[in-house]
């Protein structure tokens, strides 16, 4: 499967004082890759932003590609993890709450459980 992660408010919380990776991101990507899936990261902010975030937070070893959010993207998403319910409905996947930088956040555990329930992990 091609699994796409959104950047802003999904993978990271960015404001004037911080750039914080959501808890469980490394584990989620590691488990998805171990199950044989492809991981892509995209953002409406653009590909250069995606590349900075992936490099800054040490995600490169699991990421197969980085894109601007474009409905014509190839490969096409099979499952997305995003904070935008509309996009999750459009592509299929798991909607997470907007990440606000809280250390107790466990949204990626729920996304992994959804993938498990669908028989993909």
PDB file of N, CA and C in Angstrom:
ATOM      1  N   UNK A   1       0.835  -1.192   0.000  1.00  0.00           N
ATOM      2  CA  UNK A   1       0.000   0.000   0.000  1.00  0.00           C
ATOM      3  C   UNK A   1       0.874   1.247   0.000  1.00  0.00           C
ATOM      4  N   UNK A   2       0.323   2.320  -0.535  1.00  0.00           N
ATOM      5  CA  UNK A   2       0.964   3.629  -0.488  1.00  0.00           C
ATOM      6  C   UNK A   2       0.288   4.442   0.613  1.00  0.00           C
ATOM      7  N   UNK A   3       1.028   4.663   1.695  1.00  0.00           N
ATOM      8  CA  UNK A   3       0.486   5.364   2.860  1.00  0.00           C
ATOM      9  C   UNK A   3       1.102   6.752   2.916  1.00  0.00           C
ATOM     10  N   UNK A   4       0.237   7.766   2.943  1.00  0.00           N
ATOM     11  CA  UNK A   4       0.651   9.163   2.919  1.00  0.00           C
ATOM     12  C   UNK A   4       0.390   9.826   4.261  1.00  0.00           C
ATOM     13  N   UNK A   5       1.414  10.490   4.785  1.00  0.00           N
ATOM     14  CA  UNK A   5       1.294  11.298   5.998  1.00  0.00           C
ATOM     15  C   UNK A   5       1.255  12.771   5.610  1.00  0.00           C
ATOM     16  N   UNK A   6       0.340  13.506   6.175  1.00  0.00           N
ATOM     17  CA  UNK A   6       0.319  14.969   6.069  1.00  0.00           C
ATOM     18  C   UNK A   6       1.377  15.524   7.012  1.00  0.00           C
ATOM     19  N   UNK A   7       1.828  16.748   6.768  1.00  0.00           N
ATOM     20  CA  UNK A   7       2.858  17.354   7.614  1.00  0.00           C
ATOM     21  C   UNK A   7       2.254  18.196   8.732  1.00  0.00           C
ATOM     22  N   UNK A   8       1.756  19.374   8.394  1.00  0.00           N
ATOM     23  CA  UNK A   8       1.361  20.357   9.405  1.00  0.00           C
ATOM     24  C   UNK A   8       0.125  19.929  10.189  1.00  0.00           C
ATOM     25  N   UNK A   9       0.274  19.892  11.493  1.00  0.00           N
ATOM     26  CA  UNK A   9      -0.739  19.508  12.471  1.00  0.00           C
ATOM     27  C   UNK A   9      -1.058  18.014  12.438  1.00  0.00           C
ATOM     28  N   UNK A  10      -0.331  17.255  11.595  1.00  0.00           N
ATOM     29  CA  UNK A  10      -0.445  15.793  11.596  1.00  0.00           C
ATOM     30  C   UNK A  10       0.872  15.195  12.078  1.00  0.00           C
ATOM     31  N   UNK A  11       1.939  15.395  11.328  1.00  0.00           N
ATOM     32  CA  UNK A  11       3.269  14.926  11.759  1.00  0.00           C
ATOM     33  C   UNK A  11       3.901  15.878  12.764  1.00  0.00           C
ATOM     34  N   UNK A  12       3.725  17.170  12.551  1.00  0.00           N
ATOM     35  CA  UNK A  12       4.396  18.165  13.393  1.00  0.00           C
ATOM     36  C   UNK A  12       3.459  19.294  13.801  1.00  0.00           C
ATOM     37  N   UNK A  13       3.835  19.917  14.900  1.00  0.00           N
ATOM     38  CA  UNK A  13       3.223  21.179  15.317  1.00  0.00           C
ATOM     39  C   UNK A  13       4.307  22.236  15.179  1.00  0.00           C
ATOM     40  N   UNK A  14       4.022  23.256  14.400  1.00  0.00           N
ATOM     41  CA  UNK A  14       4.982  24.338  14.192  1.00  0.00           C
ATOM     42  C   UNK A  14       4.312  25.654  14.551  1.00  0.00           C
ATOM     43  N   UNK A  15       4.994  26.422  15.378  1.00  0.00           N
ATOM     44  CA  UNK A  15       4.577  27.803  15.637  1.00  0.00           C
ATOM     45  C   UNK A  15       5.834  28.648  15.766  1.00  0.00           C
ATOM     46  N   UNK A  16       5.704  29.888  16.190  1.00  0.00           N
ATOM     47  CA  UNK A  16       6.862  30.785  16.245  1.00  0.00           C
ATOM     48  C   UNK A  16       7.929  30.319  17.233  1.00  0.00           C
ATOM     49  N   UNK A  17       7.575  29.447  18.174  1.00  0.00           N
ATOM     50  CA  UNK A  17       8.520  29.011  19.203  1.00  0.00           C
ATOM     51  C   UNK A  17       8.980  27.569  19.080  1.00  0.00           C
ATOM     52  N   UNK A  18       8.301  26.770  18.258  1.00  0.00           N
ATOM     53  CA  UNK A  18       8.639  25.353  18.260  1.00  0.00           C
ATOM     54  C   UNK A  18       8.349  24.672  16.923  1.00  0.00           C
ATOM     55  N   UNK A  19       8.968  23.513  16.767  1.00  0.00           N
ATOM     56  CA  UNK A  19       8.736  22.619  15.637  1.00  0.00           C
ATOM     57  C   UNK A  19       8.844  21.225  16.245  1.00  0.00           C
ATOM     58  N   UNK A  20       7.710  20.647  16.621  1.00  0.00           N
ATOM     59  CA  UNK A  20       7.671  19.435  17.430  1.00  0.00           C
ATOM     60  C   UNK A  20       7.055  18.276  16.645  1.00  0.00           C
ATOM     61  N   UNK A  21       7.778  17.158  16.613  1.00  0.00           N
ATOM     62  CA  UNK A  21       7.281  15.950  15.967  1.00  0.00           C
ATOM     63  C   UNK A  21       6.246  15.274  16.865  1.00  0.00           C
ATOM     64  N   UNK A  22       5.150  14.840  16.280  1.00  0.00           N
ATOM     65  CA  UNK A  22       4.099  14.158  17.040  1.00  0.00           C
ATOM     66  C   UNK A  22       4.650  12.872  17.644  1.00  0.00           C
ATOM     67  N   UNK A  23       4.353  12.605  18.911  1.00  0.00           N
ATOM     68  CA  UNK A  23       4.816  11.364  19.548  1.00  0.00           C
ATOM     69  C   UNK A  23       4.355  10.139  18.761  1.00  0.00           C
ATOM     70  N   UNK A  24       5.237   9.174  18.643  1.00  0.00           N
ATOM     71  CA  UNK A  24       4.916   7.931  17.971  1.00  0.00           C
ATOM     72  C   UNK A  24       5.171   7.931  16.473  1.00  0.00           C
ATOM     73  N   UNK A  25       5.652   9.048  15.922  1.00  0.00           N
ATOM     74  CA  UNK A  25       5.862   9.122  14.470  1.00  0.00           C
ATOM     75  C   UNK A  25       6.909   8.123  14.003  1.00  0.00           C
ATOM     76  N   UNK A  26       8.043   8.066  14.690  1.00  0.00           N
ATOM     77  CA  UNK A  26       9.092   7.124  14.287  1.00  0.00           C
ATOM     78  C   UNK A  26       8.578   5.691  14.355  1.00  0.00           C
ATOM     79  N   UNK A  27       7.927   5.331  15.440  1.00  0.00           N
ATOM     80  CA  UNK A  27       7.411   3.971  15.609  1.00  0.00           C
ATOM     81  C   UNK A  27       6.372   3.641  14.544  1.00  0.00           C
ATOM     82  N   UNK A  28       5.477   4.586  14.259  1.00  0.00           N
ATOM     83  CA  UNK A  28       4.443   4.346  13.255  1.00  0.00           C
ATOM     84  C   UNK A  28       5.066   4.070  11.896  1.00  0.00           C
ATOM     85  N   UNK A  29       6.011   4.912  11.502  1.00  0.00           N
ATOM     86  CA  UNK A  29       6.641   4.710  10.194  1.00  0.00           C
ATOM     87  C   UNK A  29       7.434   3.409  10.156  1.00  0.00           C
ATOM     88  N   UNK A  30       8.116   3.103  11.219  1.00  0.00           N
ATOM     89  CA  UNK A  30       8.897   1.862  11.279  1.00  0.00           C
ATOM     90  C   UNK A  30       7.987   0.641  11.133  1.00  0.00           C
ATOM     91  N   UNK A  31       6.860   0.646  11.815  1.00  0.00           N
ATOM     92  CA  UNK A  31       5.930  -0.491  11.743  1.00  0.00           C
ATOM     93  C   UNK A  31       5.294  -0.614  10.365  1.00  0.00           C
ATOM     94  N   UNK A  32       4.962   0.515   9.769  1.00  0.00           N
ATOM     95  CA  UNK A  32       4.364   0.499   8.428  1.00  0.00           C
ATOM     96  C   UNK A  32       5.359  -0.047   7.407  1.00  0.00           C
ATOM     97  N   UNK A  33       6.603   0.407   7.481  1.00  0.00           N
ATOM     98  CA  UNK A  33       7.639  -0.091   6.564  1.00  0.00           C
ATOM     99  C   UNK A  33       7.903  -1.581   6.792  1.00  0.00           C
ATOM    100  N   UNK A  34       7.948  -1.999   8.051  1.00  0.00           N
ATOM    101  CA  UNK A  34       8.199  -3.407   8.369  1.00  0.00           C
ATOM    102  C   UNK A  34       7.098  -4.307   7.804  1.00  0.00           C
ATOM    103  N   UNK A  35       5.898  -3.753   7.641  1.00  0.00           N
ATOM    104  CA  UNK A  35       4.786  -4.518   7.071  1.00  0.00           C
ATOM    105  C   UNK A  35       4.831  -4.528   5.539  1.00  0.00           C
ATOM    106  N   UNK A  36       5.829  -3.849   4.958  1.00  0.00           N
ATOM    107  CA  UNK A  36       6.011  -3.884   3.514  1.00  0.00           C
ATOM    108  C   UNK A  36       5.346  -2.784   2.716  1.00  0.00           C
ATOM    109  N   UNK A  37       4.871  -1.752   3.400  1.00  0.00           N
ATOM    110  CA  UNK A  37       4.179  -0.669   2.708  1.00  0.00           C
ATOM    111  C   UNK A  37       5.143   0.465   2.351  1.00  0.00           C
ATOM    112  N   UNK A  38       4.724   1.304   1.409  1.00  0.00           N
ATOM    113  CA  UNK A  38       5.472   2.506   1.034  1.00  0.00           C
ATOM    114  C   UNK A  38       4.941   3.691   1.823  1.00  0.00           C
ATOM    115  N   UNK A  39       5.843   4.568   2.245  1.00  0.00           N
ATOM    116  CA  UNK A  39       5.463   5.763   3.004  1.00  0.00           C
ATOM    117  C   UNK A  39       5.828   6.990   2.200  1.00  0.00           C
ATOM    118  N   UNK A  40       4.840   7.882   2.098  1.00  0.00           N
ATOM    119  CA  UNK A  40       5.033   9.160   1.430  1.00  0.00           C
ATOM    120  C   UNK A  40       4.579  10.258   2.371  1.00  0.00           C
ATOM    121  N   UNK A  41       5.207  11.409   2.248  1.00  0.00           N
ATOM    122  CA  UNK A  41       4.842  12.564   3.067  1.00  0.00           C
ATOM    123  C   UNK A  41       4.520  13.700   2.109  1.00  0.00           C
ATOM    124  N   UNK A  42       3.416  14.389   2.388  1.00  0.00           N
ATOM    125  CA  UNK A  42       3.006  15.484   1.515  1.00  0.00           C
ATOM    126  C   UNK A  42       2.436  16.624   2.334  1.00  0.00           C
ATOM    127  N   UNK A  43       2.374  17.792   1.688  1.00  0.00           N
ATOM    128  CA  UNK A  43       1.857  18.981   2.365  1.00  0.00           C
ATOM    129  C   UNK A  43       1.367  19.989   1.346  1.00  0.00           C
ATOM    130  N   UNK A  44       0.297  20.687   1.683  1.00  0.00           N
ATOM    131  CA  UNK A  44      -0.185  21.781   0.853  1.00  0.00           C
ATOM    132  C   UNK A  44       0.805  22.944   0.875  1.00  0.00           C
ATOM    133  N   UNK A  45       1.706  22.953   1.837  1.00  0.00           N
ATOM    134  CA  UNK A  45       2.726  23.994   1.939  1.00  0.00           C
ATOM    135  C   UNK A  45       3.826  23.802   0.902  1.00  0.00           C
ATOM    136  N   UNK A  46       3.919  22.624   0.320  1.00  0.00           N
ATOM    137  CA  UNK A  46       4.854  22.380  -0.759  1.00  0.00           C
ATOM    138  C   UNK A  46       5.954  21.389  -0.425  1.00  0.00           C
ATOM    139  N   UNK A  47       6.543  20.831  -1.474  1.00  0.00           N
ATOM    140  CA  UNK A  47       7.576  19.812  -1.333  1.00  0.00           C
ATOM    141  C   UNK A  47       8.817  20.291  -0.578  1.00  0.00           C
ATOM    142  N   UNK A  48       9.322  21.512  -0.804  1.00  0.00           N
ATOM    143  CA  UNK A  48      10.499  21.949  -0.035  1.00  0.00           C
ATOM    144  C   UNK A  48      10.247  21.920   1.479  1.00  0.00           C
ATOM    145  N   UNK A  49       9.046  22.296   1.891  1.00  0.00           N
ATOM    146  CA  UNK A  49       8.676  22.246   3.312  1.00  0.00           C
ATOM    147  C   UNK A  49       8.691  20.799   3.807  1.00  0.00           C
ATOM    148  N   UNK A  50       8.148  19.893   3.014  1.00  0.00           N
ATOM    149  CA  UNK A  50       8.125  18.475   3.382  1.00  0.00           C
ATOM    150  C   UNK A  50       9.556  17.966   3.565  1.00  0.00           C
ATOM    151  N   UNK A  51      10.427  18.286   2.634  1.00  0.00           N
ATOM    152  CA  UNK A  51      11.819  17.833   2.702  1.00  0.00           C
ATOM    153  C   UNK A  51      12.513  18.344   3.976  1.00  0.00           C
ATOM    154  N   UNK A  52      12.275  19.598   4.329  1.00  0.00           N
ATOM    155  CA  UNK A  52      12.869  20.156   5.563  1.00  0.00           C
ATOM    156  C   UNK A  52      12.384  19.400   6.796  1.00  0.00           C
ATOM    157  N   UNK A  53      11.096  19.155   6.873  1.00  0.00           N
ATOM    158  CA  UNK A  53      10.517  18.489   8.048  1.00  0.00           C
ATOM    159  C   UNK A  53      11.018  17.049   8.154  1.00  0.00           C
ATOM    160  N   UNK A  54      11.017  16.336   7.047  1.00  0.00           N
ATOM    161  CA  UNK A  54      11.475  14.940   7.051  1.00  0.00           C
ATOM    162  C   UNK A  54      12.931  14.870   7.504  1.00  0.00           C
ATOM    163  N   UNK A  55      13.783  15.743   6.969  1.00  0.00           N
ATOM    164  CA  UNK A  55      15.200  15.748   7.355  1.00  0.00           C
ATOM    165  C   UNK A  55      15.376  16.179   8.806  1.00  0.00           C
ATOM    166  N   UNK A  56      14.700  17.233   9.206  1.00  0.00           N
ATOM    167  CA  UNK A  56      14.844  17.789  10.555  1.00  0.00           C
ATOM    168  C   UNK A  56      14.477  16.789  11.644  1.00  0.00           C
ATOM    169  N   UNK A  57      13.496  15.947  11.368  1.00  0.00           N
ATOM    170  CA  UNK A  57      12.991  15.027  12.389  1.00  0.00           C
ATOM    171  C   UNK A  57      13.452  13.582  12.191  1.00  0.00           C
ATOM    172  N   UNK A  58      14.425  13.367  11.315  1.00  0.00           N
ATOM    173  CA  UNK A  58      15.017  12.037  11.163  1.00  0.00           C
ATOM    174  C   UNK A  58      14.079  10.981  10.625  1.00  0.00           C
ATOM    175  N   UNK A  59      13.248  11.351   9.654  1.00  0.00           N
ATOM    176  CA  UNK A  59      12.273  10.415   9.095  1.00  0.00           C
ATOM    177  C   UNK A  59      12.710   9.821   7.759  1.00  0.00           C
ATOM    178  N   UNK A  60      13.812  10.283   7.223  1.00  0.00           N
ATOM    179  CA  UNK A  60      14.230   9.925   5.862  1.00  0.00           C
ATOM    180  C   UNK A  60      14.346   8.426   5.618  1.00  0.00           C
ATOM    181  N   UNK A  61      14.799   7.672   6.599  1.00  0.00           N
ATOM    182  CA  UNK A  61      15.019   6.239   6.375  1.00  0.00           C
ATOM    183  C   UNK A  61      13.742   5.475   6.074  1.00  0.00           C
ATOM    184  N   UNK A  62      12.582   6.030   6.418  1.00  0.00           N
ATOM    185  CA  UNK A  62      11.317   5.334   6.186  1.00  0.00           C
ATOM    186  C   UNK A  62      10.518   5.907   5.020  1.00  0.00           C
ATOM    187  N   UNK A  63      10.907   7.083   4.545  1.00  0.00           N
ATOM    188  CA  UNK A  63      10.099   7.801   3.558  1.00  0.00           C
ATOM    189  C   UNK A  63      10.554   7.478   2.135  1.00  0.00           C
ATOM    190  N   UNK A  64       9.588   7.052   1.314  1.00  0.00           N
ATOM    191  CA  UNK A  64       9.854   6.695  -0.080  1.00  0.00           C
ATOM    192  C   UNK A  64       9.705   7.864  -1.044  1.00  0.00           C
ATOM    193  N   UNK A  65       9.022   8.910  -0.626  1.00  0.00           N
ATOM    194  CA  UNK A  65       8.837  10.068  -1.496  1.00  0.00           C
ATOM    195  C   UNK A  65       8.170  11.209  -0.757  1.00  0.00           C
ATOM    196  N   UNK A  66       8.374  12.417  -1.279  1.00  0.00           N
ATOM    197  CA  UNK A  66       7.836  13.630  -0.674  1.00  0.00           C
ATOM    198  C   UNK A  66       7.209  14.483  -1.764  1.00  0.00           C
ATOM    199  N   UNK A  67       6.021  15.023  -1.471  1.00  0.00           N
ATOM    200  CA  UNK A  67       5.258  15.713  -2.496  1.00  0.00           C
ATOM    201  C   UNK A  67       4.513  16.926  -1.952  1.00  0.00           C
ATOM    202  N   UNK A  68       4.172  17.800  -2.906  1.00  0.00           N
ATOM    203  CA  UNK A  68       3.158  18.816  -2.674  1.00  0.00           C
ATOM    204  C   UNK A  68       1.821  18.061  -2.699  1.00  0.00           C
ATOM    205  N   UNK A  69       0.845  18.515  -1.922  1.00  0.00           N
ATOM    206  CA  UNK A  69      -0.471  17.873  -1.967  1.00  0.00           C
ATOM    207  C   UNK A  69      -1.120  18.228  -3.287  1.00  0.00           C
ATOM    208  N   UNK A  70      -1.227  17.248  -4.138  1.00  0.00           N
ATOM    209  CA  UNK A  70      -1.773  17.437  -5.476  1.00  0.00           C
ATOM    210  C   UNK A  70      -2.653  16.231  -5.771  1.00  0.00           C
ATOM    211  N   UNK A  71      -3.891  16.439  -6.193  1.00  0.00           N
ATOM    212  CA  UNK A  71      -4.777  15.297  -6.449  1.00  0.00           C
ATOM    213  C   UNK A  71      -4.298  14.387  -7.574  1.00  0.00           C
ATOM    214  N   UNK A  72      -3.309  14.840  -8.360  1.00  0.00           N
ATOM    215  CA  UNK A  72      -2.768  14.013  -9.447  1.00  0.00           C
ATOM    216  C   UNK A  72      -1.488  13.296  -9.046  1.00  0.00           C
ATOM    217  N   UNK A  73      -1.158  13.312  -7.757  1.00  0.00           N
ATOM    218  CA  UNK A  73       0.097  12.720  -7.287  1.00  0.00           C
ATOM    219  C   UNK A  73       0.189  11.248  -7.700  1.00  0.00           C
ATOM    220  N   UNK A  74       1.394  10.854  -8.037  1.00  0.00           N
ATOM    221  CA  UNK A  74       1.676   9.456  -8.364  1.00  0.00           C
ATOM    222  C   UNK A  74       2.895   9.026  -7.567  1.00  0.00           C
ATOM    223  N   UNK A  75       2.859   7.923  -6.869  1.00  0.00           N
ATOM    224  CA  UNK A  75       1.745   6.986  -6.834  1.00  0.00           C
ATOM    225  C   UNK A  75       0.558   7.578  -6.071  1.00  0.00           C
ATOM    226  N   UNK A  76      -0.590   7.054  -6.361  1.00  0.00           N
ATOM    227  CA  UNK A  76      -1.820   7.528  -5.735  1.00  0.00           C
ATOM    228  C   UNK A  76      -1.930   6.945  -4.325  1.00  0.00           C
ATOM    229  N   UNK A  77      -2.405   7.744  -3.365  1.00  0.00           N
ATOM    230  CA  UNK A  77      -2.545   7.238  -1.992  1.00  0.00           C
ATOM    231  C   UNK A  77      -3.581   6.119  -1.873  1.00  0.00           C
ATOM    232  N   UNK A  78      -3.215   5.079  -1.136  1.00  0.00           N
ATOM    233  CA  UNK A  78      -4.170   4.034  -0.777  1.00  0.00           C
ATOM    234  C   UNK A  78      -4.775   4.301   0.602  1.00  0.00           C
ATOM    235  N   UNK A  79      -4.022   5.027   1.425  1.00  0.00           N
ATOM    236  CA  UNK A  79      -4.430   5.289   2.814  1.00  0.00           C
ATOM    237  C   UNK A  79      -3.685   6.545   3.239  1.00  0.00           C
ATOM    238  N   UNK A  80      -4.412   7.539   3.765  1.00  0.00           N
ATOM    239  CA  UNK A  80      -3.738   8.737   4.254  1.00  0.00           C
ATOM    240  C   UNK A  80      -3.965   8.886   5.748  1.00  0.00           C
ATOM    241  N   UNK A  81      -3.013   9.530   6.387  1.00  0.00           N
ATOM    242  CA  UNK A  81      -3.128   9.915   7.790  1.00  0.00           C
ATOM    243  C   UNK A  81      -3.047  11.433   7.781  1.00  0.00           C
ATOM    244  N   UNK A  82      -4.144  12.084   8.165  1.00  0.00           N
ATOM    245  CA  UNK A  82      -4.272  13.522   7.974  1.00  0.00           C
ATOM    246  C   UNK A  82      -5.214  14.087   9.028  1.00  0.00           C
ATOM    247  N   UNK A  83      -5.077  15.383   9.298  1.00  0.00           N
ATOM    248  CA  UNK A  83      -5.986  16.044  10.232  1.00  0.00           C
ATOM    249  C   UNK A  83      -7.179  16.676   9.510  1.00  0.00           C
ATOM    250  N   UNK A  84      -7.258  16.519   8.206  1.00  0.00           N
ATOM    251  CA  UNK A  84      -8.333  17.084   7.393  1.00  0.00           C
ATOM    252  C   UNK A  84      -9.335  15.981   7.040  1.00  0.00           C
ATOM    253  N   UNK A  85     -10.493  16.022   7.686  1.00  0.00           N
ATOM    254  CA  UNK A  85     -11.500  14.977   7.506  1.00  0.00           C
ATOM    255  C   UNK A  85     -11.927  14.862   6.046  1.00  0.00           C
ATOM    256  N   UNK A  86     -12.041  15.995   5.354  1.00  0.00           N
ATOM    257  CA  UNK A  86     -12.449  15.972   3.955  1.00  0.00           C
ATOM    258  C   UNK A  86     -11.493  15.117   3.120  1.00  0.00           C
ATOM    259  N   UNK A  87     -10.191  15.310   3.315  1.00  0.00           N
ATOM    260  CA  UNK A  87      -9.211  14.543   2.543  1.00  0.00           C
ATOM    261  C   UNK A  87      -9.226  13.062   2.914  1.00  0.00           C
ATOM    262  N   UNK A  88      -9.443  12.767   4.189  1.00  0.00           N
ATOM    263  CA  UNK A  88      -9.533  11.359   4.610  1.00  0.00           C
ATOM    264  C   UNK A  88     -10.750  10.701   3.949  1.00  0.00           C
ATOM    265  N   UNK A  89     -11.836  11.422   3.868  1.00  0.00           N
ATOM    266  CA  UNK A  89     -13.019  10.894   3.178  1.00  0.00           C
ATOM    267  C   UNK A  89     -12.734  10.695   1.693  1.00  0.00           C
ATOM    268  N   UNK A  90     -12.022  11.627   1.085  1.00  0.00           N
ATOM    269  CA  UNK A  90     -11.727  11.573  -0.347  1.00  0.00           C
ATOM    270  C   UNK A  90     -10.808  10.403  -0.705  1.00  0.00           C
ATOM    271  N   UNK A  91      -9.712  10.248   0.056  1.00  0.00           N
ATOM    272  CA  UNK A  91      -8.701   9.242  -0.280  1.00  0.00           C
ATOM    273  C   UNK A  91      -8.839   7.936   0.493  1.00  0.00           C
ATOM    274  N   UNK A  92      -9.462   8.011   1.666  1.00  0.00           N
ATOM    275  CA  UNK A  92      -9.515   6.864   2.562  1.00  0.00           C
ATOM    276  C   UNK A  92      -8.327   6.897   3.503  1.00  0.00           C
ATOM    277  N   UNK A  93      -8.550   6.519   4.734  1.00  0.00           N
ATOM    278  CA  UNK A  93      -7.463   6.521   5.690  1.00  0.00           C
ATOM    279  C   UNK A  93      -7.938   6.739   7.103  1.00  0.00           C
ATOM    280  N   UNK A  94      -7.170   7.519   7.843  1.00  0.00           N
ATOM    281  CA  UNK A  94      -7.452   7.752   9.259  1.00  0.00           C
ATOM    282  C   UNK A  94      -7.279   9.239   9.566  1.00  0.00           C
ATOM    283  N   UNK A  95      -8.299   9.825  10.161  1.00  0.00           N
ATOM    284  CA  UNK A  95      -8.249  11.239  10.538  1.00  0.00           C
ATOM    285  C   UNK A  95      -7.746  11.358  11.976  1.00  0.00           C
ATOM    286  N   UNK A  96      -6.693  12.160  12.160  1.00  0.00           N
ATOM    287  CA  UNK A  96      -6.159  12.436  13.487  1.00  0.00           C
ATOM    288  C   UNK A  96      -6.591  13.827  13.910  1.00  0.00           C
ATOM    289  N   UNK A  97      -6.605  14.070  15.202  1.00  0.00           N
ATOM    290  CA  UNK A  97      -6.862  15.427  15.677  1.00  0.00           C
ATOM    291  C   UNK A  97      -5.652  16.293  15.338  1.00  0.00           C
ATOM    292  N   UNK A  98      -5.863  17.595  15.264  1.00  0.00           N
ATOM    293  CA  UNK A  98      -4.733  18.489  14.997  1.00  0.00           C
ATOM    294  C   UNK A  98      -3.749  18.400  16.146  1.00  0.00           C
ATOM    295  N   UNK A  99      -2.487  18.169  15.797  1.00  0.00           N
ATOM    296  CA  UNK A  99      -1.445  18.061  16.816  1.00  0.00           C
ATOM    297  C   UNK A  99      -1.071  19.457  17.299  1.00  0.00           C
ATOM    298  N   UNK A 100      -1.111  19.637  18.605  1.00  0.00           N
ATOM    299  CA  UNK A 100      -0.833  20.938  19.229  1.00  0.00           C
ATOM    300  C   UNK A 100       0.456  20.933  20.044  1.00  0.00           C
ATOM    301  N   UNK A 101       1.272  19.878  19.905  1.00  0.00           N
ATOM    302  CA  UNK A 101       2.549  19.842  20.598  1.00  0.00           C
ATOM    303  C   UNK A 101       2.529  19.160  21.948  1.00  0.00           C
ATOM    304  N   UNK A 102       1.441  18.484  22.277  1.00  0.00           N
ATOM    305  CA  UNK A 102       1.322  17.825  23.582  1.00  0.00           C
ATOM    306  C   UNK A 102       2.058  16.483  23.605  1.00  0.00           C
ATOM    307  N   UNK A 103       2.859  16.270  24.618  1.00  0.00           N
ATOM    308  CA  UNK A 103       3.662  15.051  24.742  1.00  0.00           C
ATOM    309  C   UNK A 103       2.810  13.804  24.976  1.00  0.00           C
ATOM    310  N   UNK A 104       1.587  13.975  25.479  1.00  0.00           N
ATOM    311  CA  UNK A 104       0.733  12.823  25.788  1.00  0.00           C
ATOM    312  C   UNK A 104      -0.109  12.362  24.589  1.00  0.00           C
ATOM    313  N   UNK A 105       0.057  12.978  23.441  1.00  0.00           N
ATOM    314  CA  UNK A 105      -0.707  12.647  22.236  1.00  0.00           C
ATOM    315  C   UNK A 105      -0.455  11.188  21.830  1.00  0.00           C
ATOM    316  N   UNK A 106      -1.530  10.455  21.478  1.00  0.00           N
ATOM    317  CA  UNK A 106      -1.413   9.046  21.070  1.00  0.00           C
ATOM    318  C   UNK A 106      -2.161   8.768  19.766  1.00  0.00           C
ATOM    319  N   UNK A 107      -2.319   9.783  18.935  1.00  0.00           N
ATOM    320  CA  UNK A 107      -3.091   9.644  17.702  1.00  0.00           C
ATOM    321  C   UNK A 107      -2.507   8.617  16.732  1.00  0.00           C
ATOM    322  N   UNK A 108      -1.182   8.510  16.653  1.00  0.00           N
ATOM    323  CA  UNK A 108      -0.603   7.545  15.722  1.00  0.00           C
ATOM    324  C   UNK A 108      -0.873   6.114  16.159  1.00  0.00           C
ATOM    325  N   UNK A 109      -1.046   5.878  17.454  1.00  0.00           N
ATOM    326  CA  UNK A 109      -1.425   4.540  17.914  1.00  0.00           C
ATOM    327  C   UNK A 109      -2.783   4.157  17.348  1.00  0.00           C
ATOM    328  N   UNK A 110      -3.705   5.126  17.313  1.00  0.00           N
ATOM    329  CA  UNK A 110      -5.031   4.865  16.756  1.00  0.00           C
ATOM    330  C   UNK A 110      -4.955   4.618  15.248  1.00  0.00           C
ATOM    331  N   UNK A 111      -4.088   5.342  14.545  1.00  0.00           N
ATOM    332  CA  UNK A 111      -3.924   5.136  13.107  1.00  0.00           C
ATOM    333  C   UNK A 111      -3.376   3.737  12.832  1.00  0.00           C
ATOM    334  N   UNK A 112      -2.397   3.312  13.629  1.00  0.00           N
ATOM    335  CA  UNK A 112      -1.844   1.962  13.475  1.00  0.00           C
ATOM    336  C   UNK A 112      -2.891   0.896  13.774  1.00  0.00           C
ATOM    337  N   UNK A 113      -3.735   1.157  14.763  1.00  0.00           N
ATOM    338  CA  UNK A 113      -4.800   0.211  15.084  1.00  0.00           C
ATOM    339  C   UNK A 113      -5.782   0.102  13.927  1.00  0.00           C
ATOM    340  N   UNK A 114      -6.073   1.226  13.288  1.00  0.00           N
ATOM    341  CA  UNK A 114      -6.971   1.199  12.118  1.00  0.00           C
ATOM    342  C   UNK A 114      -6.361   0.345  11.003  1.00  0.00           C
ATOM    343  N   UNK A 115      -5.065   0.533  10.739  1.00  0.00           N
ATOM    344  CA  UNK A 115      -4.387  -0.287   9.733  1.00  0.00           C
ATOM    345  C   UNK A 115      -4.401  -1.768  10.122  1.00  0.00           C
ATOM    346  N   UNK A 116      -4.250  -2.055  11.399  1.00  0.00           N
ATOM    347  CA  UNK A 116      -4.304  -3.432  11.897  1.00  0.00           C
ATOM    348  C   UNK A 116      -5.710  -4.010  11.691  1.00  0.00           C
ATOM    349  N   UNK A 117      -6.719  -3.232  12.057  1.00  0.00           N
ATOM    350  CA  UNK A 117      -8.110  -3.687  11.909  1.00  0.00           C
ATOM    351  C   UNK A 117      -8.454  -3.974  10.451  1.00  0.00           C
ATOM    352  N   UNK A 118      -7.829  -3.247   9.528  1.00  0.00           N
ATOM    353  CA  UNK A 118      -8.074  -3.460   8.088  1.00  0.00           C
ATOM    354  C   UNK A 118      -7.216  -4.595   7.522  1.00  0.00           C
ATOM    355  N   UNK A 119      -6.349  -5.191   8.378  1.00  0.00           N
ATOM    356  CA  UNK A 119      -5.524  -6.312   7.956  1.00  0.00           C
ATOM    357  C   UNK A 119      -4.232  -5.931   7.258  1.00  0.00           C
ATOM    358  N   UNK A 120      -3.777  -4.683   7.457  1.00  0.00           N
ATOM    359  CA  UNK A 120      -2.581  -4.206   6.772  1.00  0.00           C
ATOM    360  C   UNK A 120      -1.319  -4.201   7.644  1.00  0.00           C
ATOM    361  N   UNK A 121      -1.472  -4.437   8.932  1.00  0.00           N
ATOM    362  CA  UNK A 121      -0.314  -4.500   9.825  1.00  0.00           C
ATOM    363  C   UNK A 121      -0.351  -5.810  10.592  1.00  0.00           C
TER     364      UNK A 121
END
